[in-house]
Protein backbone atom coordinates (compact mmCIF):
# COMPACT_ATOMS: atom_id res chain seq x y z
CA MET A 1 -173.02 39.55 -27.09
CA MET A 2 -171.28 41.33 -24.39
CA ARG A 3 -168.12 43.65 -24.73
CA ILE A 4 -165.29 44.72 -22.73
CA ILE A 5 -166.00 48.55 -22.38
CA ALA A 6 -162.68 49.77 -21.75
CA GLY A 7 -158.64 49.45 -21.30
CA SER A 8 -156.20 47.76 -23.43
CA MET A 9 -159.01 44.96 -24.92
CA LYS A 10 -161.66 47.56 -25.41
CA GLY A 11 -164.25 46.56 -27.75
CA ARG A 12 -163.62 42.73 -27.53
CA ARG A 13 -166.70 40.77 -27.46
CA LEU A 14 -167.47 38.06 -25.01
CA ILE A 15 -170.18 35.49 -25.13
CA ALA A 16 -172.92 34.55 -22.59
CA PRO A 17 -173.49 30.82 -21.25
CA PRO A 18 -176.31 29.60 -22.79
CA GLY A 19 -179.44 29.25 -20.64
CA LEU A 20 -180.92 31.09 -17.54
CA GLU A 21 -178.31 29.24 -14.89
CA THR A 22 -176.17 32.54 -15.16
CA ARG A 23 -176.93 36.22 -15.29
CA PRO A 24 -174.38 38.09 -17.51
CA LEU A 25 -173.29 41.33 -16.22
CA PRO A 26 -174.60 43.77 -18.20
CA ASP A 27 -172.59 46.76 -19.74
CA ARG A 28 -174.02 49.63 -17.87
CA ILE A 29 -173.45 47.38 -14.47
CA LYS A 30 -170.22 46.75 -15.42
CA GLN A 31 -169.31 50.48 -16.18
CA SER A 32 -170.87 51.84 -13.12
CA LEU A 33 -169.08 49.17 -11.22
CA PHE A 34 -165.98 50.71 -12.76
CA ASP A 35 -166.59 54.43 -12.17
CA TRP A 36 -167.16 53.11 -8.59
CA LEU A 37 -164.20 51.27 -8.30
CA GLY A 38 -161.81 53.71 -10.38
CA GLN A 39 -160.95 52.93 -13.94
CA ASP A 40 -157.56 51.72 -13.43
CA LEU A 41 -156.94 48.52 -11.59
CA SER A 42 -153.33 48.39 -12.24
CA GLY A 43 -151.08 46.13 -10.21
CA ARG A 44 -154.02 44.48 -8.39
CA SER A 45 -154.89 41.11 -7.84
CA VAL A 46 -158.31 40.23 -8.43
CA ALA A 47 -160.98 36.79 -8.16
CA ASP A 48 -164.08 36.66 -10.47
CA VAL A 49 -166.52 34.47 -8.28
CA CYS A 50 -169.22 32.51 -10.09
CA ALA A 51 -167.60 33.92 -13.01
CA GLY A 52 -170.34 32.86 -15.59
CA SER A 53 -168.89 34.57 -18.87
CA GLY A 54 -165.86 35.94 -17.12
CA ALA A 55 -167.00 39.74 -17.99
CA PHE A 56 -166.14 41.18 -14.95
CA GLY A 57 -162.60 39.49 -14.86
CA CYS A 58 -161.82 40.17 -18.40
CA GLU A 59 -162.75 44.05 -17.81
CA ALA A 60 -160.71 43.96 -14.65
CA LEU A 61 -157.66 42.50 -16.87
CA SER A 62 -158.21 45.06 -19.67
CA ARG A 63 -157.87 47.93 -17.40
CA GLY A 64 -154.81 46.73 -15.62
CA ALA A 65 -155.03 43.90 -13.14
CA GLU A 66 -151.83 41.98 -12.71
CA ILE A 67 -153.98 38.40 -12.03
CA VAL A 68 -157.31 37.51 -12.14
CA HIS A 69 -158.58 34.36 -10.83
CA LEU A 70 -162.07 32.96 -12.61
CA ILE A 71 -163.63 30.56 -10.29
CA GLU A 72 -166.50 28.73 -12.33
CA PRO A 73 -167.44 25.45 -11.49
CA GLY A 74 -170.64 24.92 -13.74
CA ARG A 75 -170.32 23.08 -16.71
CA HIS A 76 -173.03 25.06 -18.13
CA ALA A 77 -170.87 28.19 -18.37
CA GLN A 78 -167.27 26.72 -18.38
CA SER A 79 -167.45 26.33 -22.55
CA ALA A 80 -168.59 30.06 -22.92
CA LEU A 81 -166.02 31.19 -20.41
CA ARG A 82 -163.03 29.31 -22.13
CA ALA A 83 -164.43 30.67 -25.71
CA ASN A 84 -164.01 34.10 -24.09
CA LEU A 85 -160.39 33.40 -22.96
CA LEU A 86 -159.37 31.98 -26.35
CA SER A 87 -161.02 34.88 -27.92
CA LEU A 88 -158.44 36.85 -25.95
CA GLY A 89 -155.49 34.85 -26.81
CA ASN A 90 -155.51 32.83 -23.22
CA PRO A 91 -153.54 35.56 -21.38
CA PRO A 92 -151.65 33.98 -18.63
CA GLN A 93 -152.98 36.90 -16.25
CA LEU A 94 -156.37 35.01 -16.63
CA VAL A 95 -156.38 32.07 -14.48
CA LEU A 96 -159.48 29.52 -14.97
CA HIS A 97 -160.42 27.73 -11.74
CA PRO A 98 -163.14 25.62 -12.90
CA ARG A 99 -163.89 24.24 -9.31
CA PRO A 100 -166.47 25.30 -6.41
CA PHE A 101 -165.46 28.23 -4.44
CA GLN A 102 -164.94 26.42 -1.72
CA SER A 103 -162.02 24.49 -2.91
CA VAL A 104 -160.14 27.60 -4.42
CA LEU A 105 -160.68 30.85 -2.21
CA PRO A 106 -158.58 29.24 0.80
CA SER A 107 -155.91 28.81 -1.56
CA LEU A 108 -155.94 32.51 -2.64
CA ARG A 109 -154.31 35.33 -0.16
CA GLY A 110 -153.77 38.55 -0.47
CA LEU A 111 -156.35 39.86 -3.40
CA ASP A 112 -157.27 43.45 -3.66
CA LEU A 113 -160.83 43.12 -5.21
CA VAL A 114 -163.23 39.97 -4.95
CA PHE A 115 -166.23 39.91 -7.35
CA CYS A 116 -168.57 37.57 -5.90
CA ASP A 117 -172.03 37.42 -8.41
CA PRO A 118 -173.51 34.10 -6.71
CA PRO A 119 -176.92 32.55 -8.11
CA PHE A 120 -179.58 34.96 -6.80
CA PRO A 121 -181.55 31.94 -5.48
CA TRP A 122 -178.51 31.46 -2.86
CA PHE A 123 -180.23 34.58 -0.88
CA GLN A 124 -183.31 32.41 -0.12
CA GLU A 125 -182.76 28.71 -0.70
CA GLU A 126 -178.92 28.51 0.12
CA PRO A 127 -177.99 31.19 2.58
CA GLN A 128 -175.20 28.90 4.09
CA THR A 129 -173.55 28.63 0.87
CA LEU A 130 -173.92 32.48 0.63
CA ILE A 131 -172.40 32.60 4.22
CA GLU A 132 -169.40 30.48 3.44
CA LEU A 133 -169.03 32.43 0.06
CA ILE A 134 -168.62 35.96 2.09
CA ALA A 135 -166.31 34.16 4.57
CA LEU A 136 -163.96 32.67 2.46
CA ALA A 137 -163.61 36.10 0.40
CA LYS A 138 -162.95 37.88 3.53
CA GLY A 139 -160.07 35.17 4.06
CA SER A 140 -158.39 35.78 1.16
CA VAL A 141 -158.79 39.41 0.73
CA ALA A 142 -156.18 41.58 1.75
CA ARG A 143 -156.30 44.30 4.42
CA GLY A 144 -157.59 47.67 2.74
CA GLY A 145 -159.22 45.41 -0.16
CA ALA A 146 -162.73 45.10 -0.91
CA ILE A 147 -165.21 42.50 -1.64
CA LEU A 148 -168.36 43.35 -3.94
CA VAL A 149 -171.48 41.06 -3.78
CA ARG A 150 -174.13 41.42 -6.34
CA GLY A 151 -177.81 40.74 -5.23
CA GLU A 152 -181.28 41.09 -6.36
CA ARG A 153 -183.86 43.72 -4.97
CA GLY A 154 -185.81 42.32 -2.26
CA GLN A 155 -182.62 40.07 -1.21
CA GLU A 156 -180.57 41.01 1.72
CA LEU A 157 -177.02 40.18 2.88
CA PRO A 158 -176.71 37.35 5.53
CA THR A 159 -174.99 38.64 8.99
CA LEU A 160 -171.66 39.24 7.93
CA PRO A 161 -169.09 37.81 9.40
CA PHE A 162 -166.95 39.39 12.46
CA GLY A 163 -164.26 41.78 11.11
CA LEU A 164 -166.46 42.61 7.69
CA ARG A 165 -168.17 45.64 7.32
CA GLN A 166 -170.87 46.60 4.62
CA GLU A 167 -169.05 49.92 3.55
CA GLU A 168 -171.73 51.08 0.64
CA LYS A 169 -174.34 49.71 -1.24
CA ARG A 170 -175.69 50.70 -5.00
CA LEU A 171 -178.80 49.70 -6.85
CA TYR A 172 -178.33 48.99 -10.78
CA GLY A 173 -182.20 48.67 -11.97
CA ARG A 174 -183.23 45.61 -10.23
CA SER A 175 -179.91 44.61 -8.95
CA TRP A 176 -177.58 45.82 -6.16
CA VAL A 177 -174.04 45.75 -5.42
CA ALA A 178 -172.34 45.85 -2.15
CA ARG A 179 -169.07 46.97 -0.97
CA LEU A 180 -167.79 44.93 2.07
CA VAL A 181 -164.21 45.89 3.77
CA LEU A 182 -162.48 44.35 6.48
CA THR A 183 -162.97 46.48 9.68
CA GLY A 184 -160.16 48.52 10.73
CA GLY A 185 -158.46 48.66 7.40
CA ASP A 186 -157.88 51.47 4.85
CA ALA A 187 -159.55 50.52 2.08
CA ALA A 188 -156.97 50.25 -0.85
CA LEU A 189 -159.87 50.23 -3.68
CA ARG A 190 -161.88 53.54 -2.51
CA PRO A 191 -164.95 54.54 -4.53
CA ALA A 192 -163.98 57.18 -7.24
């Protein structure tokens, strides 16, 4: 069991998808991420890509995000994700997209934050899919916004698309999160 750790829905429990196909975002990493991003996301628009249980997106909504797009095509995760949305009262600000990111991200523009938690095997086995994810996230994020990518120790980000740079990378046990920003823009979501 996971929970929402702060904000208007603090303490609400979330379930994780069964099996090993997804890696739920542990509460300690989630807390560290929001310490980094800032605790209040009021008025922000967010996408949680490869959302799994939706833990990151639900946390963002609890902390004031105006709209959160949950992008998760995996059937193994969708029942848990739908159950989590139902347990939260199906808030209209949580928009579920049960389709691949390739068909969703091009339709989203002006996002303040895109959180990408791709399957770790993509780093070795499907680097082109990872490159495509980062490129499409870049196209959907607003100037001044940020893209967060989660990976595992021993893996590295691919070469970033032109106009995107890694601003910071933080380690969390066996995983890491890199913060990517558009070059030439002022970051709206500066680390706290």
